[in-house]
Amino acid sequence: MQIIREANQLPAALIALRAGGKSLALVPTMGALHAGHLTLITEARRVADRVAATIFVNPLQFAANEDLDRYPRQEEKDAALLEAAGCDLLWLPRPGEIYPAGFSTTVSVKGVSERWEGEARPGHFDGVATVVAKLLCAVGPDVALFGEKDFQQLAVIRRMNRDLQLGIEILGVPTVRDDDGLALSSRNAYLSPDERQRALALPWALNAAAKRILDGEDVGAVLVEAREELLTAGFSRVDYFALVNALSLEPLDRAGGPMRLIAAATIGRTRLIDNIAVGV
């Protein structure tokens, strides 16, 4: 696996990677890799001839009170994991290469970004859309892969790609979970053993709510009870627990069409997000 640290080395490396008309897949990450990220690499190898990954902890998507400084960083371990998974190229840009002095342009995606995470973390999706647009333009892949755990992020990126006519296939990959059902996340490393056990209430609540909704129970009542279950289990705050249209992310008060249950809640000092499809 080739490791690129200087942006001016990237174009030649990409030309070599595509030699002979090879297709290219990109997996953007913020590092602290786990099995979910490596599943993206495996899927990327299935859909393209060559695979590139990026590791960049994007300061633009962290608010002042969020965990940028303590976000886990393990560059050497991550590089070894990517190489073992079959990644061909790893780009490790520095913040100054992505956001040079005087940088003053951001990408803002209306509609799908405005509720849920957009309300809980103002400016977050502007940071996501901006950095992903820059990474896609720099690498120019045929396909880029993102996990469905960050379901709203995936919707934002798809809309941004379509609106800016970047011509890149955006592929969502199903959430990878531990054997007990907890969605894999780099932030799980923050959880104490007790918090880790209590966090299982989140996937349990999602699955129970999905079953009740499909059984015809009142959606509003199911959602209220799910939030209460999370608080009883030890979560200190529930930002949202909602049934939404899987395409528009608009809230639903009754079952119908493509549906997704989405949730975000905090346990200890760690904010977890999760979602599941309902009825498909």
C-alpha atoms as a PDB file:
ATOM      1  CA  MET A   1       0.000   0.000   0.000  1.00  0.00           C
ATOM      2  CA  GLN A   2       1.309   3.414  -0.970  1.00  0.00           C
ATOM      3  CA  ILE A   3       1.048   6.139   1.664  1.00  0.00           C
ATOM      4  CA  ILE A   4       0.735   9.733   0.443  1.00  0.00           C
ATOM      5  CA  ARG A   5       1.292  12.584   2.887  1.00  0.00           C
ATOM      6  CA  GLU A   6       1.887  15.501   0.508  1.00  0.00           C
ATOM      7  CA  ALA A   7      -1.000  16.654  -1.653  1.00  0.00           C
ATOM      8  CA  ASN A   8       1.318  17.401  -4.584  1.00  0.00           C
ATOM      9  CA  GLN A   9       2.223  13.692  -4.714  1.00  0.00           C
ATOM     10  CA  LEU A  10      -1.380  12.583  -5.053  1.00  0.00           C
ATOM     11  CA  PRO A  11      -2.064  13.184  -8.786  1.00  0.00           C
ATOM     12  CA  ALA A  12       0.838  11.035  -9.983  1.00  0.00           C
ATOM     13  CA  ALA A  13      -0.066   8.277  -7.545  1.00  0.00           C
ATOM     14  CA  LEU A  14      -3.658   8.268  -8.788  1.00  0.00           C
ATOM     15  CA  ILE A  15      -2.552   8.114 -12.429  1.00  0.00           C
ATOM     16  CA  ALA A  16      -0.400   5.077 -11.633  1.00  0.00           C
ATOM     17  CA  LEU A  17      -3.244   3.466  -9.706  1.00  0.00           C
ATOM     18  CA  ARG A  18      -5.612   3.844 -12.662  1.00  0.00           C
ATOM     19  CA  ALA A  19      -3.099   2.674 -15.284  1.00  0.00           C
ATOM     20  CA  GLY A  20      -4.653   0.381 -17.859  1.00  0.00           C
ATOM     21  CA  GLY A  21      -8.133   1.796 -17.325  1.00  0.00           C
ATOM     22  CA  LYS A  22      -8.563   0.496 -13.786  1.00  0.00           C
ATOM     23  CA  SER A  23     -11.587   1.713 -11.820  1.00  0.00           C
ATOM     24  CA  LEU A  24     -11.086   3.351  -8.440  1.00  0.00           C
ATOM     25  CA  ALA A  25     -13.098   3.306  -5.208  1.00  0.00           C
ATOM     26  CA  LEU A  26     -12.587   5.757  -2.343  1.00  0.00           C
ATOM     27  CA  VAL A  27     -13.246   5.161   1.366  1.00  0.00           C
ATOM     28  CA  PRO A  28     -12.977   8.438   3.324  1.00  0.00           C
ATOM     29  CA  THR A  29     -12.431   7.979   7.082  1.00  0.00           C
ATOM     30  CA  MET A  30     -11.400   9.883  10.186  1.00  0.00           C
ATOM     31  CA  GLY A  31      -9.217   7.003  11.352  1.00  0.00           C
ATOM     32  CA  ALA A  32      -9.563   5.006  14.590  1.00  0.00           C
ATOM     33  CA  LEU A  33     -10.569   2.189  12.278  1.00  0.00           C
ATOM     34  CA  HIS A  34     -12.713  -0.768  13.290  1.00  0.00           C
ATOM     35  CA  ALA A  35     -14.350  -3.687  11.505  1.00  0.00           C
ATOM     36  CA  GLY A  36     -16.989  -1.381  10.034  1.00  0.00           C
ATOM     37  CA  HIS A  37     -14.368   0.608   8.147  1.00  0.00           C
ATOM     38  CA  LEU A  38     -12.663  -2.565   6.974  1.00  0.00           C
ATOM     39  CA  THR A  39     -16.009  -3.813   5.645  1.00  0.00           C
ATOM     40  CA  LEU A  40     -16.070  -0.676   3.490  1.00  0.00           C
ATOM     41  CA  ILE A  41     -12.630  -1.601   2.122  1.00  0.00           C
ATOM     42  CA  THR A  42     -13.808  -5.158   1.407  1.00  0.00           C
ATOM     43  CA  GLU A  43     -16.869  -3.856  -0.435  1.00  0.00           C
ATOM     44  CA  ALA A  44     -14.719  -1.323  -2.293  1.00  0.00           C
ATOM     45  CA  ARG A  45     -12.499  -4.151  -3.538  1.00  0.00           C
ATOM     46  CA  ARG A  46     -15.617  -5.925  -4.789  1.00  0.00           C
ATOM     47  CA  VAL A  47     -16.914  -2.959  -6.809  1.00  0.00           C
ATOM     48  CA  ALA A  48     -13.655  -1.493  -8.165  1.00  0.00           C
ATOM     49  CA  ASP A  49     -10.222  -2.560  -9.388  1.00  0.00           C
ATOM     50  CA  ARG A  50      -8.295  -0.285  -7.038  1.00  0.00           C
ATOM     51  CA  VAL A  51      -9.069   1.115  -3.586  1.00  0.00           C
ATOM     52  CA  ALA A  52      -7.935   4.364  -2.008  1.00  0.00           C
ATOM     53  CA  ALA A  53      -8.666   5.490   1.554  1.00  0.00           C
ATOM     54  CA  THR A  54      -8.209   8.771   3.359  1.00  0.00           C
ATOM     55  CA  ILE A  55      -7.663   9.483   7.040  1.00  0.00           C
ATOM     56  CA  PHE A  56      -8.430  13.043   8.052  1.00  0.00           C
ATOM     57  CA  VAL A  57      -9.912  14.185  11.361  1.00  0.00           C
ATOM     58  CA  ASN A  58     -11.946  17.048   9.972  1.00  0.00           C
ATOM     59  CA  PRO A  59     -11.984  20.047  12.338  1.00  0.00           C
ATOM     60  CA  LEU A  60     -14.743  21.735  10.352  1.00  0.00           C
ATOM     61  CA  GLN A  61     -17.368  19.207  11.477  1.00  0.00           C
ATOM     62  CA  PHE A  62     -16.644  19.548  15.213  1.00  0.00           C
ATOM     63  CA  ALA A  63     -18.282  22.285  17.272  1.00  0.00           C
ATOM     64  CA  ALA A  64     -16.288  24.140  19.928  1.00  0.00           C
ATOM     65  CA  ASN A  65     -17.733  21.962  22.711  1.00  0.00           C
ATOM     66  CA  GLU A  66     -17.194  18.635  20.915  1.00  0.00           C
ATOM     67  CA  ASP A  67     -14.451  16.042  21.077  1.00  0.00           C
ATOM     68  CA  LEU A  68     -11.976  17.071  18.357  1.00  0.00           C
ATOM     69  CA  ASP A  69      -8.959  17.020  20.675  1.00  0.00           C
ATOM     70  CA  ARG A  70      -9.767  13.677  22.235  1.00  0.00           C
ATOM     71  CA  TYR A  71     -10.995  11.994  19.051  1.00  0.00           C
ATOM     72  CA  PRO A  72      -8.937   8.756  18.883  1.00  0.00           C
ATOM     73  CA  ARG A  73      -5.923   8.829  16.582  1.00  0.00           C
ATOM     74  CA  GLN A  74      -3.888   5.705  15.755  1.00  0.00           C
ATOM     75  CA  GLU A  75      -2.243   6.344  12.413  1.00  0.00           C
ATOM     76  CA  GLU A  76       0.274   3.487  12.415  1.00  0.00           C
ATOM     77  CA  LYS A  77      -2.301   0.892  13.464  1.00  0.00           C
ATOM     78  CA  ASP A  78      -4.845   2.221  10.964  1.00  0.00           C
ATOM     79  CA  ALA A  79      -2.348   2.030   8.101  1.00  0.00           C
ATOM     80  CA  ALA A  80      -1.552  -1.587   8.955  1.00  0.00           C
ATOM     81  CA  LEU A  81      -5.258  -2.480   9.073  1.00  0.00           C
ATOM     82  CA  LEU A  82      -5.906  -0.851   5.697  1.00  0.00           C
ATOM     83  CA  GLU A  83      -2.975  -2.601   4.055  1.00  0.00           C
ATOM     84  CA  ALA A  84      -4.061  -5.975   5.440  1.00  0.00           C
ATOM     85  CA  ALA A  85      -7.593  -5.353   4.135  1.00  0.00           C
ATOM     86  CA  GLY A  86      -6.310  -4.765   0.596  1.00  0.00           C
ATOM     87  CA  CYS A  87      -6.240  -0.976   0.319  1.00  0.00           C
ATOM     88  CA  ASP A  88      -3.926   0.204  -2.457  1.00  0.00           C
ATOM     89  CA  LEU A  89      -3.375   3.835  -1.467  1.00  0.00           C
ATOM     90  CA  LEU A  90      -3.744   5.810   1.765  1.00  0.00           C
ATOM     91  CA  TRP A  91      -3.816   9.602   1.680  1.00  0.00           C
ATOM     92  CA  LEU A  92      -3.071  11.340   4.980  1.00  0.00           C
ATOM     93  CA  PRO A  93      -3.581  15.051   4.293  1.00  0.00           C
ATOM     94  CA  ARG A  94      -2.628  17.667   6.868  1.00  0.00           C
ATOM     95  CA  PRO A  95      -5.269  20.233   7.935  1.00  0.00           C
ATOM     96  CA  GLY A  96      -3.372  23.000   6.148  1.00  0.00           C
ATOM     97  CA  GLU A  97      -3.597  21.099   2.854  1.00  0.00           C
ATOM     98  CA  ILE A  98      -7.356  20.705   3.100  1.00  0.00           C
ATOM     99  CA  TYR A  99      -7.953  24.155   4.573  1.00  0.00           C
ATOM    100  CA  PRO A 100      -5.075  26.421   3.489  1.00  0.00           C
ATOM    101  CA  ALA A 101      -4.613  29.898   4.920  1.00  0.00           C
ATOM    102  CA  GLY A 102      -7.516  32.112   3.891  1.00  0.00           C
ATOM    103  CA  PHE A 103      -9.850  29.211   3.136  1.00  0.00           C
ATOM    104  CA  SER A 104     -13.355  30.706   3.108  1.00  0.00           C
ATOM    105  CA  THR A 105     -15.620  28.373   1.117  1.00  0.00           C
ATOM    106  CA  THR A 106     -18.074  25.885   2.596  1.00  0.00           C
ATOM    107  CA  VAL A 107     -20.628  23.543   1.061  1.00  0.00           C
ATOM    108  CA  SER A 108     -24.095  23.703   2.605  1.00  0.00           C
ATOM    109  CA  VAL A 109     -26.757  21.135   1.735  1.00  0.00           C
ATOM    110  CA  LYS A 110     -30.286  22.265   2.525  1.00  0.00           C
ATOM    111  CA  GLY A 111     -33.236  20.017   3.310  1.00  0.00           C
ATOM    112  CA  VAL A 112     -31.843  16.657   4.404  1.00  0.00           C
ATOM    113  CA  SER A 113     -29.248  18.325   6.655  1.00  0.00           C
ATOM    114  CA  GLU A 114     -31.560  20.559   8.643  1.00  0.00           C
ATOM    115  CA  ARG A 115     -33.262  18.208  11.112  1.00  0.00           C
ATOM    116  CA  TRP A 116     -31.906  15.651  13.577  1.00  0.00           C
ATOM    117  CA  GLU A 117     -28.087  15.875  13.600  1.00  0.00           C
ATOM    118  CA  GLY A 118     -28.358  19.261  11.925  1.00  0.00           C
ATOM    119  CA  GLU A 119     -30.366  20.609  14.872  1.00  0.00           C
ATOM    120  CA  ALA A 120     -28.284  18.869  17.532  1.00  0.00           C
ATOM    121  CA  ARG A 121     -24.936  19.851  15.977  1.00  0.00           C
ATOM    122  CA  PRO A 122     -25.299  23.158  14.112  1.00  0.00           C
ATOM    123  CA  GLY A 123     -22.777  23.493  11.289  1.00  0.00           C
ATOM    124  CA  HIS A 124     -21.790  19.825  11.441  1.00  0.00           C
ATOM    125  CA  PHE A 125     -23.065  18.901   7.997  1.00  0.00           C
ATOM    126  CA  ASP A 126     -21.518  21.978   6.391  1.00  0.00           C
ATOM    127  CA  GLY A 127     -18.200  20.614   7.624  1.00  0.00           C
ATOM    128  CA  VAL A 128     -18.986  17.114   6.372  1.00  0.00           C
ATOM    129  CA  ALA A 129     -20.159  18.256   2.936  1.00  0.00           C
ATOM    130  CA  THR A 130     -17.182  20.580   2.513  1.00  0.00           C
ATOM    131  CA  VAL A 131     -14.499  18.029   3.350  1.00  0.00           C
ATOM    132  CA  VAL A 132     -16.161  15.210   1.391  1.00  0.00           C
ATOM    133  CA  ALA A 133     -16.518  17.465  -1.654  1.00  0.00           C
ATOM    134  CA  LYS A 134     -12.808  18.331  -1.423  1.00  0.00           C
ATOM    135  CA  LEU A 135     -11.759  14.699  -1.017  1.00  0.00           C
ATOM    136  CA  LEU A 136     -13.949  13.537  -3.907  1.00  0.00           C
ATOM    137  CA  CYS A 137     -12.647  16.282  -6.184  1.00  0.00           C
ATOM    138  CA  ALA A 138      -9.016  15.580  -5.252  1.00  0.00           C
ATOM    139  CA  VAL A 139      -9.212  11.808  -5.727  1.00  0.00           C
ATOM    140  CA  GLY A 140     -11.824  11.615  -8.494  1.00  0.00           C
ATOM    141  CA  PRO A 141     -13.022   8.067  -7.782  1.00  0.00           C
ATOM    142  CA  ASP A 142     -15.615   6.163  -9.751  1.00  0.00           C
ATOM    143  CA  VAL A 143     -17.371   5.200  -6.519  1.00  0.00           C
ATOM    144  CA  ALA A 144     -17.140   6.331  -2.897  1.00  0.00           C
ATOM    145  CA  LEU A 145     -18.334   4.202   0.004  1.00  0.00           C
ATOM    146  CA  PHE A 146     -19.885   5.326   3.302  1.00  0.00           C
ATOM    147  CA  GLY A 147     -21.435   3.382   6.177  1.00  0.00           C
ATOM    148  CA  GLU A 148     -25.174   3.489   6.777  1.00  0.00           C
ATOM    149  CA  LYS A 149     -24.655   3.976  10.524  1.00  0.00           C
ATOM    150  CA  ASP A 150     -24.318   7.685   9.772  1.00  0.00           C
ATOM    151  CA  PHE A 151     -27.531   7.541   7.755  1.00  0.00           C
ATOM    152  CA  GLN A 152     -28.218  11.264   7.602  1.00  0.00           C
ATOM    153  CA  GLN A 153     -24.622  11.916   6.598  1.00  0.00           C
ATOM    154  CA  LEU A 154     -25.041   9.463   3.735  1.00  0.00           C
ATOM    155  CA  ALA A 155     -28.188  11.304   2.610  1.00  0.00           C
ATOM    156  CA  VAL A 156     -26.372  14.649   2.746  1.00  0.00           C
ATOM    157  CA  ILE A 157     -23.440  13.336   0.703  1.00  0.00           C
ATOM    158  CA  ARG A 158     -25.727  11.809  -1.892  1.00  0.00           C
ATOM    159  CA  ARG A 159     -27.608  15.085  -2.288  1.00  0.00           C
ATOM    160  CA  MET A 160     -24.370  17.088  -2.486  1.00  0.00           C
ATOM    161  CA  ASN A 161     -22.940  14.727  -5.103  1.00  0.00           C
ATOM    162  CA  ARG A 162     -26.128  14.946  -7.168  1.00  0.00           C
ATOM    163  CA  ASP A 163     -26.513  18.719  -6.878  1.00  0.00           C
ATOM    164  CA  LEU A 164     -22.876  19.452  -7.737  1.00  0.00           C
ATOM    165  CA  GLN A 165     -22.984  16.893 -10.570  1.00  0.00           C
ATOM    166  CA  LEU A 166     -19.754  15.254  -9.456  1.00  0.00           C
ATOM    167  CA  GLY A 167     -20.649  12.087 -11.359  1.00  0.00           C
ATOM    168  CA  ILE A 168     -19.478   9.743  -8.594  1.00  0.00           C
ATOM    169  CA  GLU A 169     -21.477   6.721  -7.456  1.00  0.00           C
ATOM    170  CA  ILE A 170     -22.168   7.014  -3.722  1.00  0.00           C
ATOM    171  CA  LEU A 171     -22.568   3.569  -2.203  1.00  0.00           C
ATOM    172  CA  GLY A 172     -24.025   3.009   1.276  1.00  0.00           C
ATOM    173  CA  VAL A 173     -22.830  -0.079   3.157  1.00  0.00           C
ATOM    174  CA  PRO A 174     -24.954  -1.645   5.929  1.00  0.00           C
ATOM    175  CA  THR A 175     -24.012  -0.963   9.548  1.00  0.00           C
ATOM    176  CA  VAL A 176     -21.585  -3.438  11.109  1.00  0.00           C
ATOM    177  CA  ARG A 177     -22.438  -4.480  14.663  1.00  0.00           C
ATOM    178  CA  ASP A 178     -20.798  -6.338  17.509  1.00  0.00           C
ATOM    179  CA  ASP A 179     -22.233  -9.743  18.314  1.00  0.00           C
ATOM    180  CA  ASP A 180     -24.469  -8.168  20.969  1.00  0.00           C
ATOM    181  CA  GLY A 181     -25.954  -5.684  18.479  1.00  0.00           C
ATOM    182  CA  LEU A 182     -24.151  -2.442  19.313  1.00  0.00           C
ATOM    183  CA  ALA A 183     -23.221  -0.546  16.154  1.00  0.00           C
ATOM    184  CA  LEU A 184     -19.454  -0.281  15.720  1.00  0.00           C
ATOM    185  CA  SER A 185     -18.169   3.256  16.207  1.00  0.00           C
ATOM    186  CA  SER A 186     -14.800   4.839  16.922  1.00  0.00           C
ATOM    187  CA  ARG A 187     -16.481   6.605  19.849  1.00  0.00           C
ATOM    188  CA  ASN A 188     -17.300   3.277  21.525  1.00  0.00           C
ATOM    189  CA  ALA A 189     -13.731   3.449  22.853  1.00  0.00           C
ATOM    190  CA  TYR A 190     -14.902   6.208  25.214  1.00  0.00           C
ATOM    191  CA  LEU A 191     -17.410   3.916  26.968  1.00  0.00           C
ATOM    192  CA  SER A 192     -16.649   2.411  30.364  1.00  0.00           C
ATOM    193  CA  PRO A 193     -17.513  -1.306  30.729  1.00  0.00           C
ATOM    194  CA  ASP A 194     -20.759  -0.380  32.519  1.00  0.00           C
ATOM    195  CA  GLU A 195     -21.664   2.228  29.897  1.00  0.00           C
ATOM    196  CA  ARG A 196     -20.851  -0.246  27.129  1.00  0.00           C
ATOM    197  CA  GLN A 197     -23.372  -2.711  28.583  1.00  0.00           C
ATOM    198  CA  ARG A 198     -26.033  -0.052  29.111  1.00  0.00           C
ATOM    199  CA  ALA A 199     -25.517   1.237  25.567  1.00  0.00           C
ATOM    200  CA  LEU A 200     -27.120  -1.955  24.267  1.00  0.00           C
ATOM    201  CA  ALA A 201     -30.443  -0.358  25.142  1.00  0.00           C
ATOM    202  CA  LEU A 202     -30.103   1.738  21.968  1.00  0.00           C
ATOM    203  CA  PRO A 203     -30.180  -1.064  19.366  1.00  0.00           C
ATOM    204  CA  TRP A 204     -32.673  -2.968  21.507  1.00  0.00           C
ATOM    205  CA  ALA A 205     -35.013   0.044  21.580  1.00  0.00           C
ATOM    206  CA  LEU A 206     -34.716   0.534  17.825  1.00  0.00           C
ATOM    207  CA  ASN A 207     -35.543  -3.088  17.062  1.00  0.00           C
ATOM    208  CA  ALA A 208     -38.423  -3.204  19.540  1.00  0.00           C
ATOM    209  CA  ALA A 209     -39.876   0.023  18.164  1.00  0.00           C
ATOM    210  CA  ALA A 210     -39.618  -1.233  14.581  1.00  0.00           C
ATOM    211  CA  LYS A 211     -41.525  -4.386  15.456  1.00  0.00           C
ATOM    212  CA  ARG A 212     -44.259  -2.468  17.273  1.00  0.00           C
ATOM    213  CA  ILE A 213     -44.667   0.002  14.395  1.00  0.00           C
ATOM    214  CA  LEU A 214     -44.938  -2.828  11.856  1.00  0.00           C
ATOM    215  CA  ASP A 215     -47.489  -4.497  14.157  1.00  0.00           C
ATOM    216  CA  GLY A 216     -49.653  -1.407  13.735  1.00  0.00           C
ATOM    217  CA  GLU A 217     -49.153   0.354  17.070  1.00  0.00           C
ATOM    218  CA  ASP A 218     -49.425   4.138  17.300  1.00  0.00           C
ATOM    219  CA  VAL A 219     -46.147   5.620  16.082  1.00  0.00           C
ATOM    220  CA  GLY A 220     -46.127   8.564  18.484  1.00  0.00           C
ATOM    221  CA  ALA A 221     -46.686   6.374  21.534  1.00  0.00           C
ATOM    222  CA  VAL A 222     -43.983   3.923  20.445  1.00  0.00           C
ATOM    223  CA  LEU A 223     -41.433   6.718  20.013  1.00  0.00           C
ATOM    224  CA  VAL A 224     -42.200   8.284  23.407  1.00  0.00           C
ATOM    225  CA  GLU A 225     -41.826   4.946  25.169  1.00  0.00           C
ATOM    226  CA  ALA A 226     -38.566   4.216  23.344  1.00  0.00           C
ATOM    227  CA  ARG A 227     -37.075   7.493  24.592  1.00  0.00           C
ATOM    228  CA  GLU A 228     -38.184   6.679  28.128  1.00  0.00           C
ATOM    229  CA  GLU A 229     -36.576   3.245  27.887  1.00  0.00           C
ATOM    230  CA  LEU A 230     -33.240   4.806  26.962  1.00  0.00           C
ATOM    231  CA  LEU A 231     -33.357   7.227  29.889  1.00  0.00           C
ATOM    232  CA  THR A 232     -34.274   4.397  32.248  1.00  0.00           C
ATOM    233  CA  ALA A 233     -31.347   2.350  30.928  1.00  0.00           C
ATOM    234  CA  GLY A 234     -28.871   5.075  31.889  1.00  0.00           C
ATOM    235  CA  PHE A 235     -28.720   7.454  28.920  1.00  0.00           C
ATOM    236  CA  SER A 236     -28.595  11.031  30.210  1.00  0.00           C
ATOM    237  CA  ARG A 237     -30.087  12.663  27.114  1.00  0.00           C
ATOM    238  CA  VAL A 238     -31.993  11.600  24.001  1.00  0.00           C
ATOM    239  CA  ASP A 239     -31.577  14.149  21.213  1.00  0.00           C
ATOM    240  CA  TYR A 240     -34.038  12.347  18.981  1.00  0.00           C
ATOM    241  CA  PHE A 241     -35.697   8.989  18.439  1.00  0.00           C
ATOM    242  CA  ALA A 242     -37.750   9.296  15.266  1.00  0.00           C
ATOM    243  CA  LEU A 243     -39.423   7.449  12.435  1.00  0.00           C
ATOM    244  CA  VAL A 244     -38.518   9.142   9.150  1.00  0.00           C
ATOM    245  CA  ASN A 245     -38.976   8.750   5.436  1.00  0.00           C
ATOM    246  CA  ALA A 246     -35.804   6.963   4.338  1.00  0.00           C
ATOM    247  CA  LEU A 247     -35.371   9.264   1.314  1.00  0.00           C
ATOM    248  CA  SER A 248     -36.271  12.735   2.602  1.00  0.00           C
ATOM    249  CA  LEU A 249     -35.601  12.158   6.329  1.00  0.00           C
ATOM    250  CA  GLU A 250     -38.858  13.965   7.099  1.00  0.00           C
ATOM    251  CA  PRO A 251     -40.591  12.677  10.259  1.00  0.00           C
ATOM    252  CA  LEU A 252     -43.473  10.241   9.943  1.00  0.00           C
ATOM    253  CA  ASP A 253     -46.387   9.972  12.352  1.00  0.00           C
ATOM    254  CA  ARG A 254     -47.692   6.818  10.702  1.00  0.00           C
ATOM    255  CA  ALA A 255     -46.147   3.881   8.904  1.00  0.00           C
ATOM    256  CA  GLY A 256     -45.847   4.020   5.126  1.00  0.00           C
ATOM    257  CA  GLY A 257     -43.337   4.032   2.308  1.00  0.00           C
ATOM    258  CA  PRO A 258     -39.596   3.524   2.813  1.00  0.00           C
ATOM    259  CA  MET A 259     -38.976   4.059   6.545  1.00  0.00           C
ATOM    260  CA  ARG A 260     -36.019   4.396   8.884  1.00  0.00           C
ATOM    261  CA  LEU A 261     -35.829   4.659  12.653  1.00  0.00           C
ATOM    262  CA  ILE A 262     -33.036   7.016  13.660  1.00  0.00           C
ATOM    263  CA  ALA A 263     -31.762   7.877  17.133  1.00  0.00           C
ATOM    264  CA  ALA A 264     -29.075   9.831  18.954  1.00  0.00           C
ATOM    265  CA  ALA A 265     -28.507   9.637  22.708  1.00  0.00           C
ATOM    266  CA  THR A 266     -25.755  10.336  25.225  1.00  0.00           C
ATOM    267  CA  ILE A 267     -24.465   7.943  27.861  1.00  0.00           C
ATOM    268  CA  GLY A 268     -21.747   9.182  30.176  1.00  0.00           C
ATOM    269  CA  ARG A 269     -19.687  11.566  28.037  1.00  0.00           C
ATOM    270  CA  THR A 270     -20.332   9.674  24.803  1.00  0.00           C
ATOM    271  CA  ARG A 271     -22.969  10.517  22.226  1.00  0.00           C
ATOM    272  CA  LEU A 272     -24.070   7.516  20.166  1.00  0.00           C
ATOM    273  CA  ILE A 273     -26.131   7.419  16.976  1.00  0.00           C
ATOM    274  CA  ASP A 274     -27.826   4.455  15.359  1.00  0.00           C
ATOM    275  CA  ASN A 275     -30.589   3.607  12.886  1.00  0.00           C
ATOM    276  CA  ILE A 276     -32.370   0.675  11.320  1.00  0.00           C
ATOM    277  CA  ALA A 277     -34.567   0.157   8.282  1.00  0.00           C
ATOM    278  CA  VAL A 278     -38.223  -0.506   9.055  1.00  0.00           C
ATOM    279  CA  GLY A 279     -40.142  -2.957   6.950  1.00  0.00           C
ATOM    280  CA  VAL A 280     -37.545  -3.610   4.244  1.00  0.00           C
END
